Amino acid sequence: MNEPNRTQWQIRCAFNGFCKRTLKNEAINAHGEIKRRQLQEVSFSDLTPQEENQLYTYDTYFEHDEAEKSFCVAGKEITAKLLAEALHSLPDDKREAVLLYYFFEMNDAEIAKLRDVPRSTIQYRRTSSFELLKRYLEERGLTVNKAEEQRLANGCTGVKKSTGQHPGGIVVIPKEYDVYDFTPVQHPADDPKSDIVTTHFAFKFLHDTILKLDLLGHDVPTKYKMMEKFSGLNVLDLPMNDPEVMELFISTKSIGVEPEDIDSEVATFGLPEFGTKFVRQMIVESKPKNFTDLLQISGLSHGTDVWLGNAQELIHNGICTISEVIGTRDSIMTYLIHKGLDPSLSFNIMEITRKGKAKSKLTPEMVEEMKRHDVPDWYIDSCFKIKYMFPKAHAVAYDMSALRLGWFKVHMPQVFYAAFLSVAPGGFDADIVTKGKDNIKAVLREIEAKGKDASQKETDMIATLQLCNEACARGFVFLRPDIKKSHSFHFLPEGEKGIRCPFSSMGGLGEAAAESLYNACQGAEILSVEDLRTRAQVSKAVIEILRKNGVLDNLSETNQLTMF
């Protein structure tokens, strides 16, 4: 082994000393901060009941607000009472068509199927309602022209009732500035009394100006919990090197179906970050052989200009394999260090590349140094194409989740499908799925044939239908909701091959209604449709949804006995 040059050795020692001092100072600062906090903070366990009561309050929104809410449209003041009266003035069939279309987000075809009438009838009922509503408003001195009428009608479609609030991120700005200098803000849920504001902007425009901390939601831990509940196993005890699980990323062999059965050459539906059409095609083209290759795929699928026009072409042309391409940002530094480049220089090249700044900041001297250490030309060219790279730690987290869920998919598939759908139904419609595999595939083909003309609801349903189609291909049966056996939200394993759908899986049925139905059916004998409606306190529309899905087939309409 060659002894390092004395100058290089001195630089290395100086760098090591700097790192040690830095870590020591940071440790001192951290301990000091902890001590300062301990002097001012009190553990929750040490609080008295009186002190605990001061930590929360009860919301009393609108408790004393008796003023009627109103809003202005085209210079006219419209109240909620007036709208309700206008809708109430419509005939029952027309009012139902309007409400189902705009408030239940059902299209004309879905409403027509629900009411067992032609689609054109529903369209007529809905459109003719505009004239009646217009006449009602005009009678009360509120004149609306045709253009405004159509504008209002269009505005009702696809618009959320209010803005939501969810974990997205925290924007950090210099203290001498105000947040309004950088981005528009809004109170969540349109509540001006809220002391919380959320930002609404495309962060790419501010990426190089301010700092953003991401707060990401993740449903995988909840899926773990559901699978543990159904199986009695601890996900942390599952093996991470099961060959049959790895086979999911190679073929459909381990789930016992043919590729044409599920319209996919690999069996990764339902696995985090591996189930989309784009990533499945990446898997087929890259041919992963081990966990490291899966990390590469996760990095490539989340980066920008790292796969298309870059790694894909290199693999396709036989220049390198999936294990050799640039997959994650960390691999750039480790690869260059392995090639013999200075660690500091390797780090700088990684930072320049992963931020997409190679064309402007990767100097000829840096390129020459890489070539001097036998870094291939294709590798250097790839650096110049990259605009953003995924960190390896993120890829590891995704892939570990995929392998754990994949174990259940291979060895306990009934648990896998029930738990997965319970956590993320994604537009599940029991009326479609309970009719079997042929109907699922027919609906999938219908949605795919629409292309970009498909509604958002239909697009969101594709991934769920693909997973359900796979389950059916493996012999599992989705059982329609049942008042005695269904949960409000959870899909339940039943028998050897059955998966019982919950009340919430029925199209058009809201969460509140599902919960009410479940609670009403617990520990009580439901004697009739009338009895169910009374106990659950649900509307006629909910009863019709239940009737459509066959839930009421074995119930009489009323509690009264008939002699005939």
Protein backbone atom coordinates (compact mmCIF):
# COMPACT_ATOMS: atom_id res chain seq x y z
CA MET A 1 0.00 0.00 0.00
CA ASN A 2 1.47 3.36 -1.04
CA GLU A 3 2.11 5.84 1.77
CA PRO A 4 0.12 9.07 1.20
CA ASN A 5 1.94 12.23 0.18
CA ARG A 6 2.98 14.26 3.26
CA THR A 7 1.11 17.36 2.09
CA GLN A 8 -2.06 15.34 1.49
CA TRP A 9 -1.61 13.74 4.91
CA GLN A 10 -1.33 17.13 6.60
CA ILE A 11 -4.45 18.37 4.79
CA ARG A 12 -6.32 15.23 5.84
CA CYS A 13 -5.24 15.65 9.45
CA ALA A 14 -6.21 19.31 9.42
CA PHE A 15 -9.62 18.43 7.95
CA ASN A 16 -10.15 15.69 10.54
CA GLY A 17 -9.22 18.10 13.34
CA PHE A 18 -11.66 20.68 11.98
CA CYS A 19 -14.45 18.09 11.88
CA LYS A 20 -13.77 16.99 15.46
CA ARG A 21 -13.77 20.57 16.75
CA THR A 22 -16.98 21.29 14.89
CA LEU A 23 -18.72 18.20 16.31
CA LYS A 24 -17.46 19.00 19.82
CA ASN A 25 -18.71 22.60 19.62
CA GLU A 26 -22.08 21.45 18.30
CA ALA A 27 -22.35 18.95 21.16
CA ILE A 28 -21.55 21.68 23.68
CA ASN A 29 -24.15 23.96 22.13
CA ALA A 30 -26.74 21.17 22.12
CA HIS A 31 -26.13 20.31 25.79
CA GLY A 32 -26.30 24.00 26.70
CA GLU A 33 -29.60 24.39 24.86
CA ILE A 34 -31.02 21.33 26.64
CA LYS A 35 -30.04 22.76 30.03
CA ARG A 36 -31.57 26.14 29.20
CA ARG A 37 -34.80 24.47 28.17
CA GLN A 38 -34.89 22.29 31.30
CA LEU A 39 -34.84 25.43 33.43
CA GLN A 40 -37.91 26.82 31.65
CA GLU A 41 -39.87 23.71 30.64
CA VAL A 42 -42.02 21.33 32.66
CA SER A 43 -42.89 17.75 31.73
CA PHE A 44 -46.55 17.04 31.04
CA SER A 45 -46.44 14.29 33.66
CA ASP A 46 -45.54 16.88 36.34
CA LEU A 47 -48.50 19.17 35.63
CA THR A 48 -51.42 19.41 38.02
CA PRO A 49 -54.98 18.86 36.66
CA GLN A 50 -55.58 22.61 37.01
CA GLU A 51 -52.49 23.36 34.92
CA GLU A 52 -53.48 20.78 32.28
CA ASN A 53 -56.88 22.44 31.89
CA GLN A 54 -55.14 25.64 30.80
CA LEU A 55 -53.53 23.90 27.80
CA TYR A 56 -56.69 23.48 25.74
CA THR A 57 -59.96 25.19 24.94
CA TYR A 58 -63.28 24.31 23.34
CA ASP A 59 -64.23 25.74 19.96
CA THR A 60 -67.43 27.75 20.03
CA TYR A 61 -67.54 28.86 16.42
CA PHE A 62 -70.88 30.38 15.42
CA GLU A 63 -72.35 29.62 18.86
CA HIS A 64 -73.63 33.15 19.27
CA ASP A 65 -73.68 34.11 15.62
CA GLU A 66 -77.33 34.52 14.75
CA ALA A 67 -76.84 36.77 11.73
CA GLU A 68 -77.84 35.16 8.47
CA LYS A 69 -74.89 34.47 6.19
CA SER A 70 -74.99 35.96 2.71
CA PHE A 71 -72.77 36.43 -0.29
CA CYS A 72 -72.76 38.77 -3.25
CA VAL A 73 -73.08 37.53 -6.84
CA ALA A 74 -73.13 39.96 -9.79
CA GLY A 75 -73.95 42.78 -7.39
CA LYS A 76 -76.90 40.93 -5.82
CA GLU A 77 -77.07 39.72 -2.23
CA ILE A 78 -78.04 36.06 -1.90
CA THR A 79 -78.66 34.33 1.40
CA ALA A 80 -78.51 30.64 2.26
CA LYS A 81 -82.20 30.79 3.14
CA LEU A 82 -83.07 32.17 -0.30
CA LEU A 83 -81.06 29.42 -2.02
CA ALA A 84 -82.74 26.76 0.08
CA GLU A 85 -86.16 28.18 -0.75
CA ALA A 86 -85.28 28.29 -4.45
CA LEU A 87 -84.17 24.65 -4.43
CA HIS A 88 -87.23 23.65 -2.44
CA SER A 89 -89.44 25.22 -5.09
CA LEU A 90 -88.20 22.69 -7.68
CA PRO A 91 -90.07 19.44 -8.32
CA ASP A 92 -88.62 16.48 -6.39
CA ASP A 93 -87.02 14.80 -9.41
CA LYS A 94 -85.35 17.99 -10.63
CA ARG A 95 -84.16 19.00 -7.16
CA GLU A 96 -82.63 15.57 -6.68
CA ALA A 97 -80.80 15.79 -10.02
CA VAL A 98 -79.30 19.18 -9.09
CA LEU A 99 -78.25 18.09 -5.59
CA LEU A 100 -76.69 14.79 -6.69
CA TYR A 101 -74.81 16.51 -9.53
CA TYR A 102 -73.38 19.48 -7.64
CA PHE A 103 -73.16 18.26 -4.06
CA PHE A 104 -72.62 14.50 -4.37
CA GLU A 105 -70.30 15.05 -7.40
CA MET A 106 -72.15 12.45 -9.46
CA ASN A 107 -72.31 12.81 -13.25
CA ASP A 108 -75.47 12.42 -15.35
CA ALA A 109 -74.68 8.80 -16.18
CA GLU A 110 -74.25 7.84 -12.51
CA ILE A 111 -77.47 9.58 -11.50
CA ALA A 112 -79.33 7.91 -14.36
CA LYS A 113 -78.06 4.51 -13.25
CA LEU A 114 -79.07 5.21 -9.66
CA ARG A 115 -82.61 6.27 -10.63
CA ASP A 116 -82.91 3.72 -13.47
CA VAL A 117 -83.82 6.32 -16.09
CA PRO A 118 -82.18 7.40 -19.38
CA ARG A 119 -79.17 9.72 -19.11
CA SER A 120 -80.91 12.31 -21.29
CA THR A 121 -83.72 12.51 -18.74
CA ILE A 122 -81.30 13.45 -15.97
CA GLN A 123 -79.60 16.01 -18.18
CA TYR A 124 -82.98 17.59 -18.99
CA ARG A 125 -84.03 17.67 -15.33
CA ARG A 126 -80.77 19.35 -14.34
CA THR A 127 -80.61 21.94 -17.12
CA SER A 128 -84.30 22.81 -16.98
CA SER A 129 -83.86 23.47 -13.27
CA PHE A 130 -81.77 26.53 -14.15
CA GLU A 131 -84.79 28.22 -15.74
CA LEU A 132 -86.96 27.50 -12.73
CA LEU A 133 -84.31 28.77 -10.32
CA LYS A 134 -83.82 31.85 -12.49
CA ARG A 135 -87.55 32.55 -12.45
CA TYR A 136 -87.65 32.16 -8.66
CA LEU A 137 -84.84 34.69 -8.22
CA GLU A 138 -86.40 37.11 -10.71
CA GLU A 139 -89.67 37.02 -8.80
CA ARG A 140 -87.74 38.23 -5.80
CA GLY A 141 -86.01 41.03 -7.65
CA LEU A 142 -82.79 39.22 -8.42
CA THR A 143 -82.30 39.31 -12.20
CA VAL A 144 -79.60 37.10 -13.66
CA ASN A 145 -78.70 37.20 -17.37
CA LYS A 146 -77.92 34.10 -19.43
CA ALA A 147 -74.17 34.55 -19.32
CA GLU A 148 -74.16 35.00 -15.55
CA GLU A 149 -76.47 32.02 -15.19
CA GLN A 150 -74.04 29.80 -17.12
CA ARG A 151 -71.06 31.26 -15.25
CA LEU A 152 -72.61 30.37 -11.93
CA ALA A 153 -73.51 26.90 -13.16
CA ASN A 154 -69.97 26.28 -14.38
CA GLY A 155 -68.53 27.66 -11.19
CA CYS A 156 -70.38 25.11 -9.11
CA THR A 157 -68.72 22.20 -10.88
CA GLY A 158 -65.50 20.85 -9.40
CA VAL A 159 -65.05 23.68 -6.90
CA LYS A 160 -64.21 22.74 -3.31
CA LYS A 161 -66.53 24.04 -0.64
CA SER A 162 -63.60 25.53 1.29
CA THR A 163 -59.84 25.51 1.40
CA GLY A 164 -58.31 22.72 3.39
CA GLN A 165 -55.36 22.55 5.76
CA HIS A 166 -52.86 19.71 5.66
CA PRO A 167 -49.18 19.13 6.48
CA GLY A 168 -47.30 20.58 3.55
CA GLY A 169 -44.37 22.56 4.75
CA ILE A 170 -43.03 25.48 6.71
CA VAL A 171 -41.59 28.50 4.94
CA VAL A 172 -38.70 30.14 6.78
CA ILE A 173 -38.06 33.81 5.96
CA PRO A 174 -35.62 36.44 7.32
CA LYS A 175 -37.00 38.16 10.43
CA GLU A 176 -36.72 41.61 8.88
CA TYR A 177 -39.28 40.59 6.22
CA ASP A 178 -42.91 39.63 6.34
CA VAL A 179 -44.35 36.44 4.84
CA TYR A 180 -46.59 38.60 2.63
CA ASP A 181 -43.45 39.79 0.82
CA PHE A 182 -42.95 36.30 -0.56
CA THR A 183 -46.22 34.48 -0.95
CA PRO A 184 -50.01 34.87 -0.76
CA VAL A 185 -51.53 33.46 2.42
CA GLN A 186 -54.97 32.28 3.42
CA HIS A 187 -56.74 31.14 6.56
CA PRO A 188 -57.53 27.40 6.48
CA ALA A 189 -61.17 26.45 5.96
CA ASP A 190 -61.94 30.08 5.08
CA ASP A 191 -62.07 30.96 8.78
CA PRO A 192 -60.90 34.58 9.25
CA LYS A 193 -60.85 34.08 13.04
CA SER A 194 -58.21 31.37 12.80
CA ASP A 195 -54.73 32.29 13.98
CA ILE A 196 -53.23 29.92 11.39
CA VAL A 197 -52.33 30.94 7.85
CA THR A 198 -51.32 28.66 5.02
CA THR A 199 -49.30 29.51 1.92
CA HIS A 200 -50.44 28.97 -1.65
CA PHE A 201 -47.66 29.07 -4.22
CA ALA A 202 -45.36 27.03 -6.48
CA PHE A 203 -42.20 26.70 -4.42
CA LYS A 204 -39.96 26.34 -7.47
CA PHE A 205 -40.21 30.10 -7.93
CA LEU A 206 -38.74 30.69 -4.48
CA HIS A 207 -36.48 27.64 -4.23
CA ASP A 208 -33.24 29.62 -4.29
CA THR A 209 -34.53 32.48 -2.14
CA ILE A 210 -36.01 31.06 1.06
CA LEU A 211 -35.94 27.85 3.08
CA LYS A 212 -38.84 25.39 3.18
CA LEU A 213 -39.15 22.52 5.63
CA ASP A 214 -41.31 19.65 4.32
CA LEU A 215 -43.89 17.95 6.55
CA LEU A 216 -44.93 14.83 4.67
CA GLY A 217 -47.93 12.64 5.36
CA HIS A 218 -47.39 8.90 5.05
CA ASP A 219 -50.08 6.21 5.10
CA VAL A 220 -47.68 3.22 5.23
CA PRO A 221 -47.49 3.10 9.08
CA THR A 222 -51.30 2.92 9.19
CA LYS A 223 -51.19 0.06 6.67
CA TYR A 224 -48.66 -1.68 8.92
CA LYS A 225 -51.04 -1.29 11.85
CA MET A 226 -53.99 -2.73 9.93
CA MET A 227 -51.96 -5.70 8.69
CA GLU A 228 -50.67 -6.39 12.18
CA LYS A 229 -54.25 -6.25 13.45
CA PHE A 230 -55.50 -8.76 10.87
CA SER A 231 -52.47 -11.09 10.99
CA GLY A 232 -51.17 -10.90 14.56
CA LEU A 233 -47.62 -10.37 13.21
CA ASN A 234 -45.13 -7.56 13.88
CA VAL A 235 -43.96 -5.99 10.61
CA LEU A 236 -40.53 -5.34 12.11
CA ASP A 237 -40.03 -9.09 12.50
CA LEU A 238 -40.57 -9.81 8.81
CA PRO A 239 -37.55 -10.87 6.71
CA MET A 240 -36.18 -8.28 4.28
CA ASN A 241 -34.49 -10.81 1.98
CA ASP A 242 -37.37 -13.08 0.95
CA PRO A 243 -36.72 -14.30 -2.64
CA GLU A 244 -40.46 -14.55 -3.36
CA VAL A 245 -40.93 -10.91 -2.37
CA MET A 246 -38.05 -9.87 -4.61
CA GLU A 247 -39.74 -11.84 -7.40
CA LEU A 248 -42.56 -9.24 -7.33
CA PHE A 249 -40.15 -6.82 -9.02
CA ILE A 250 -39.15 -9.34 -11.69
CA SER A 251 -42.32 -11.17 -12.74
CA THR A 252 -45.82 -12.17 -11.58
CA LYS A 253 -44.72 -15.66 -10.56
CA SER A 254 -44.86 -15.21 -6.79
CA ILE A 255 -48.55 -14.18 -6.80
CA GLY A 256 -49.61 -17.05 -9.09
CA VAL A 257 -51.00 -15.13 -12.04
CA GLU A 258 -49.98 -14.50 -15.64
CA PRO A 259 -48.95 -11.01 -16.83
CA GLU A 260 -51.98 -10.79 -19.12
CA ASP A 261 -54.27 -11.40 -16.11
CA ILE A 262 -53.25 -8.10 -14.52
CA ASP A 263 -51.94 -6.24 -17.59
CA SER A 264 -48.50 -5.94 -16.04
CA GLU A 265 -45.20 -7.82 -16.37
CA VAL A 266 -44.41 -7.27 -12.69
CA ALA A 267 -46.53 -7.62 -9.54
CA THR A 268 -45.90 -4.28 -7.81
CA PHE A 269 -49.46 -2.92 -7.60
CA GLY A 270 -50.01 -1.51 -4.11
CA LEU A 271 -46.31 -1.27 -3.22
CA PRO A 272 -45.23 2.29 -2.30
CA GLU A 273 -43.71 4.16 -5.25
CA PHE A 274 -43.54 1.00 -7.40
CA GLY A 275 -47.13 0.59 -8.59
CA THR A 276 -47.48 3.35 -11.17
CA LYS A 277 -47.33 2.62 -14.89
CA PHE A 278 -44.21 4.77 -15.24
CA VAL A 279 -42.25 2.98 -12.50
CA ARG A 280 -43.43 -0.47 -13.57
CA GLN A 281 -42.03 0.22 -17.02
CA MET A 282 -38.77 1.36 -15.41
CA ILE A 283 -38.59 -1.94 -13.55
CA VAL A 284 -39.14 -3.93 -16.74
CA GLU A 285 -36.43 -1.99 -18.61
CA SER A 286 -33.86 -1.91 -15.81
CA LYS A 287 -34.25 -5.54 -14.61
CA PRO A 288 -33.35 -5.13 -10.91
CA LYS A 289 -31.57 -8.04 -9.22
CA ASN A 290 -31.24 -6.90 -5.59
CA PHE A 291 -32.14 -4.29 -3.00
CA THR A 292 -29.45 -1.90 -4.25
CA ASP A 293 -31.02 -1.92 -7.71
CA LEU A 294 -34.39 -1.07 -6.17
CA LEU A 295 -32.77 1.93 -4.47
CA GLN A 296 -31.55 3.05 -7.89
CA ILE A 297 -35.06 2.77 -9.33
CA SER A 298 -36.57 4.78 -6.45
CA GLY A 299 -33.96 7.49 -6.96
CA LEU A 300 -34.48 7.59 -10.71
CA SER A 301 -38.29 7.70 -10.42
CA HIS A 302 -38.19 10.75 -8.12
CA GLY A 303 -35.43 12.73 -9.80
CA THR A 304 -35.67 15.17 -12.69
CA ASP A 305 -33.92 14.35 -15.99
CA VAL A 306 -32.22 11.33 -14.43
CA TRP A 307 -34.17 8.56 -16.18
CA LEU A 308 -35.78 9.82 -19.40
CA GLY A 309 -33.12 10.93 -21.84
CA ASN A 310 -30.41 9.85 -19.41
CA ALA A 311 -30.17 6.55 -17.50
CA GLN A 312 -32.86 4.92 -19.68
CA GLU A 313 -30.81 5.45 -22.83
CA LEU A 314 -27.60 4.27 -21.16
CA ILE A 315 -29.23 0.99 -20.05
CA HIS A 316 -31.07 0.50 -23.36
CA ASN A 317 -27.86 0.95 -25.36
CA GLY A 318 -25.95 -1.47 -23.15
CA ILE A 319 -23.48 1.17 -21.96
CA CYS A 320 -24.10 0.34 -18.29
CA THR A 321 -26.53 -1.45 -15.98
CA ILE A 322 -29.05 -0.20 -13.43
CA SER A 323 -26.48 -0.68 -10.66
CA GLU A 324 -23.96 1.60 -12.43
CA VAL A 325 -26.07 4.62 -13.44
CA ILE A 326 -26.43 7.69 -11.23
CA GLY A 327 -29.50 6.86 -9.13
CA THR A 328 -29.24 8.91 -5.93
CA ARG A 329 -27.37 12.05 -4.98
CA ASP A 330 -25.24 10.28 -2.35
CA SER A 331 -23.94 7.76 -4.86
CA ILE A 332 -22.16 10.54 -6.80
CA MET A 333 -19.92 11.40 -3.85
CA THR A 334 -19.21 7.80 -2.83
CA TYR A 335 -18.50 6.78 -6.44
CA LEU A 336 -16.04 9.65 -6.98
CA ILE A 337 -14.28 8.98 -3.67
CA HIS A 338 -14.01 5.32 -4.68
CA LYS A 339 -12.43 6.48 -7.94
CA GLY A 340 -9.79 8.34 -5.92
CA LEU A 341 -11.04 11.94 -6.04
CA ASP A 342 -10.56 14.18 -3.02
CA PRO A 343 -13.54 13.82 -0.64
CA SER A 344 -14.15 17.57 -0.51
CA LEU A 345 -14.13 17.83 -4.30
CA SER A 346 -16.40 14.77 -4.57
CA PHE A 347 -18.87 16.42 -2.21
CA ASN A 348 -18.85 19.66 -4.22
CA ILE A 349 -19.45 17.83 -7.49
CA MET A 350 -22.35 15.97 -5.88
CA GLU A 351 -23.94 19.19 -4.64
CA ILE A 352 -23.53 20.91 -8.01
CA THR A 353 -25.00 17.94 -9.88
CA ARG A 354 -27.94 17.13 -7.63
CA LYS A 355 -29.09 20.78 -7.76
CA GLY A 356 -29.03 20.75 -11.57
CA LYS A 357 -26.25 23.34 -11.83
CA ALA A 358 -23.60 21.26 -13.59
CA LYS A 359 -23.80 23.25 -16.84
CA SER A 360 -22.87 26.49 -15.06
CA LYS A 361 -20.77 25.39 -12.08
CA LEU A 362 -19.08 22.13 -13.03
CA THR A 363 -15.78 23.65 -14.17
CA PRO A 364 -13.41 22.24 -16.80
CA GLU A 365 -10.91 21.63 -13.99
CA MET A 366 -13.43 19.46 -12.15
CA VAL A 367 -14.21 17.54 -15.34
CA GLU A 368 -10.52 17.05 -16.05
CA GLU A 369 -9.97 15.76 -12.50
CA MET A 370 -12.76 13.22 -12.99
CA LYS A 371 -11.28 12.06 -16.30
CA ARG A 372 -7.82 11.80 -14.68
CA HIS A 373 -9.32 9.31 -12.23
CA ASP A 374 -10.91 7.23 -15.01
CA VAL A 375 -14.49 8.43 -14.52
CA PRO A 376 -16.27 7.37 -17.77
CA ASP A 377 -17.38 10.03 -20.26
CA TRP A 378 -20.98 8.73 -20.09
CA TYR A 379 -20.98 9.34 -16.32
CA ILE A 380 -19.79 12.94 -16.75
CA ASP A 381 -22.34 13.55 -19.52
CA SER A 382 -25.06 12.21 -17.21
CA CYS A 383 -24.09 14.75 -14.53
CA PHE A 384 -24.64 17.60 -17.00
CA LYS A 385 -28.19 16.36 -17.79
CA ILE A 386 -29.42 16.02 -14.20
CA LYS A 387 -31.66 18.75 -12.74
CA TYR A 388 -32.63 17.20 -9.42
CA MET A 389 -31.61 14.06 -7.52
CA PHE A 390 -33.31 12.05 -4.78
CA PRO A 391 -31.44 11.33 -1.49
CA LYS A 392 -30.60 7.69 -0.81
CA ALA A 393 -32.12 7.77 2.69
CA HIS A 394 -35.54 8.56 1.20
CA ALA A 395 -35.16 5.74 -1.30
CA VAL A 396 -34.23 3.30 1.48
CA ALA A 397 -37.34 4.25 3.48
CA TYR A 398 -39.62 3.72 0.47
CA ASP A 399 -38.02 0.40 -0.47
CA MET A 400 -38.14 -1.02 3.05
CA SER A 401 -41.84 -0.20 3.13
CA ALA A 402 -42.33 -1.87 -0.24
CA LEU A 403 -40.58 -5.07 0.91
CA ARG A 404 -42.57 -5.28 4.15
CA LEU A 405 -45.89 -4.75 2.38
CA GLY A 406 -44.70 -7.09 -0.37
CA TRP A 407 -44.22 -9.86 2.21
CA PHE A 408 -47.89 -9.67 3.13
CA LYS A 409 -48.84 -9.51 -0.55
CA VAL A 410 -47.03 -12.80 -1.22
CA HIS A 411 -47.66 -14.76 1.98
CA MET A 412 -50.90 -13.24 3.41
CA PRO A 413 -52.63 -11.67 0.40
CA GLN A 414 -56.09 -11.51 1.96
CA VAL A 415 -54.68 -9.42 4.81
CA PHE A 416 -52.73 -7.27 2.35
CA TYR A 417 -55.71 -6.34 0.17
CA ALA A 418 -58.08 -5.77 3.10
CA ALA A 419 -55.62 -3.58 5.01
CA PHE A 420 -54.45 -1.65 1.95
CA LEU A 421 -57.96 -0.75 0.83
CA SER A 422 -58.99 0.14 4.38
CA VAL A 423 -56.31 2.82 4.57
CA ALA A 424 -56.28 4.16 1.01
CA PRO A 425 -59.42 3.22 -0.95
CA GLY A 426 -58.67 5.83 -3.65
CA GLY A 427 -62.06 6.13 -5.28
CA PHE A 428 -63.28 2.61 -4.46
CA ASP A 429 -66.81 1.83 -5.68
CA ALA A 430 -68.34 -1.35 -4.29
CA ASP A 431 -70.92 -1.49 -7.08
CA ILE A 432 -68.11 -1.94 -9.61
CA VAL A 433 -65.84 -4.29 -7.69
CA THR A 434 -68.40 -6.68 -6.21
CA LYS A 435 -69.57 -7.61 -9.72
CA GLY A 436 -66.31 -9.45 -10.34
CA LYS A 437 -63.16 -9.40 -12.43
CA ASP A 438 -64.80 -9.01 -15.84
CA ASN A 439 -66.70 -5.92 -14.75
CA ILE A 440 -63.58 -4.39 -13.17
CA LYS A 441 -61.59 -4.87 -16.39
CA ALA A 442 -64.46 -3.47 -18.46
CA VAL A 443 -64.57 -0.30 -16.33
CA LEU A 444 -60.77 0.01 -16.54
CA ARG A 445 -60.87 -0.23 -20.33
CA GLU A 446 -63.67 2.34 -20.45
CA ILE A 447 -61.69 4.85 -18.35
CA GLU A 448 -58.45 4.26 -20.27
CA ALA A 449 -60.30 4.73 -23.58
CA LYS A 450 -61.37 8.21 -22.47
CA GLY A 451 -57.74 9.27 -22.02
CA LYS A 452 -57.51 12.92 -20.98
CA ASP A 453 -61.29 13.23 -21.19
CA ALA A 454 -61.69 11.02 -18.12
CA SER A 455 -62.90 12.82 -15.00
CA GLN A 456 -60.65 13.27 -11.96
CA LYS A 457 -62.84 10.81 -10.07
CA GLU A 458 -62.31 8.18 -12.78
CA THR A 459 -58.58 8.83 -12.94
CA ASP A 460 -58.23 8.46 -9.17
CA MET A 461 -60.04 5.13 -9.37
CA ILE A 462 -57.57 3.48 -11.79
CA ALA A 463 -54.93 2.42 -9.24
CA THR A 464 -57.57 0.94 -6.92
CA LEU A 465 -59.28 -0.95 -9.74
CA GLN A 466 -55.92 -2.36 -10.89
CA LEU A 467 -55.27 -3.69 -7.39
CA CYS A 468 -58.78 -5.13 -7.12
CA ASN A 469 -58.40 -6.77 -10.53
CA GLU A 470 -55.20 -8.39 -9.31
CA ALA A 471 -56.94 -9.64 -6.15
CA CYS A 472 -59.74 -11.16 -8.24
CA ALA A 473 -57.18 -12.79 -10.57
CA ARG A 474 -55.73 -14.50 -7.46
CA GLY A 475 -59.15 -15.90 -6.58
CA PHE A 476 -60.31 -13.39 -3.99
CA VAL A 477 -63.91 -12.15 -3.97
CA PHE A 478 -65.11 -8.72 -2.90
CA LEU A 479 -68.32 -9.16 -0.92
CA ARG A 480 -70.95 -6.43 -1.07
CA PRO A 481 -71.65 -4.39 2.09
CA ASP A 482 -73.82 -6.15 4.66
CA ILE A 483 -75.67 -4.59 7.59
CA LYS A 484 -74.57 -7.43 9.89
CA LYS A 485 -70.98 -7.95 8.71
CA SER A 486 -69.62 -4.67 7.32
CA HIS A 487 -67.54 -2.11 9.14
CA SER A 488 -68.05 1.60 8.55
CA PHE A 489 -64.63 2.14 6.89
CA HIS A 490 -62.50 -1.03 7.12
CA PHE A 491 -62.39 -3.85 4.58
CA LEU A 492 -62.55 -7.11 6.53
CA PRO A 493 -61.13 -10.57 5.64
CA GLU A 494 -63.96 -13.10 5.57
CA GLY A 495 -63.56 -16.83 5.05
CA GLU A 496 -60.63 -18.06 2.98
CA LYS A 497 -61.06 -15.83 -0.06
CA GLY A 498 -63.59 -13.17 0.86
CA ILE A 499 -63.03 -9.45 1.51
CA ARG A 500 -66.08 -7.71 2.96
CA CYS A 501 -66.60 -4.15 1.72
CA PRO A 502 -67.43 -1.42 4.28
CA PHE A 503 -70.38 0.96 4.11
CA SER A 504 -68.09 3.81 3.01
CA SER A 505 -67.12 1.88 -0.15
CA MET A 506 -70.49 2.59 -1.78
CA GLY A 507 -70.35 5.44 -4.28
CA GLY A 508 -72.05 8.62 -3.06
CA LEU A 509 -72.14 7.55 0.60
CA GLY A 510 -70.34 9.96 2.91
CA GLU A 511 -68.28 9.15 6.02
CA ALA A 512 -70.92 10.43 8.42
CA ALA A 513 -73.60 8.23 6.89
CA ALA A 514 -71.28 5.20 6.92
CA GLU A 515 -70.54 5.71 10.61
CA SER A 516 -74.22 6.15 11.42
CA LEU A 517 -75.14 2.95 9.58
CA TYR A 518 -72.42 0.97 11.35
CA ASN A 519 -73.40 2.22 14.81
CA ALA A 520 -77.08 1.56 14.14
CA CYS A 521 -76.40 -2.06 13.14
CA GLN A 522 -74.21 -2.92 16.14
CA GLY A 523 -75.96 -5.20 18.64
CA ALA A 524 -79.36 -4.58 17.13
CA GLU A 525 -81.65 -6.63 14.93
CA ILE A 526 -82.68 -4.53 11.94
CA LEU A 527 -86.26 -5.47 11.14
CA SER A 528 -86.92 -3.40 8.02
CA VAL A 529 -85.73 -0.59 5.77
CA GLU A 530 -87.91 1.73 7.81
CA ASP A 531 -86.25 0.50 11.02
CA LEU A 532 -82.75 1.00 9.60
CA ARG A 533 -83.49 4.53 8.45
CA THR A 534 -84.94 5.45 11.84
CA ARG A 535 -82.05 3.98 13.84
CA ALA A 536 -79.30 5.42 11.60
CA GLN A 537 -81.03 8.76 10.97
CA VAL A 538 -80.06 8.74 7.28
CA SER A 539 -81.71 10.38 4.28
CA LYS A 540 -83.75 8.83 1.48
CA ALA A 541 -80.75 9.32 -0.84
CA VAL A 542 -78.62 7.10 1.43
CA ILE A 543 -81.35 4.45 1.47
CA GLU A 544 -81.41 4.49 -2.32
CA ILE A 545 -77.62 3.97 -2.41
CA LEU A 546 -78.00 0.98 -0.09
CA ARG A 547 -80.80 -0.38 -2.26
CA LYS A 548 -78.67 0.06 -5.41
CA ASN A 549 -75.86 -1.97 -3.83
CA GLY A 550 -78.15 -4.81 -2.74
CA VAL A 551 -77.73 -4.14 0.97
CA LEU A 552 -81.49 -4.06 1.53
CA ASP A 553 -82.40 -7.13 -0.53
CA ASN A 554 -83.35 -9.25 2.49
CA LEU A 555 -85.23 -6.55 4.37
CA SER A 556 -88.90 -5.71 4.20
CA GLU A 557 -89.86 -2.10 3.68
CA THR A 558 -91.72 -1.63 6.97
CA ASN A 559 -92.15 -3.32 10.35
CA GLN A 560 -95.80 -4.05 9.60
CA LEU A 561 -96.79 -7.64 8.92
CA THR A 562 -98.66 -8.47 5.74
CA MET A 563 -101.18 -11.28 5.34
CA PHE A 564 -100.86 -11.46 1.58
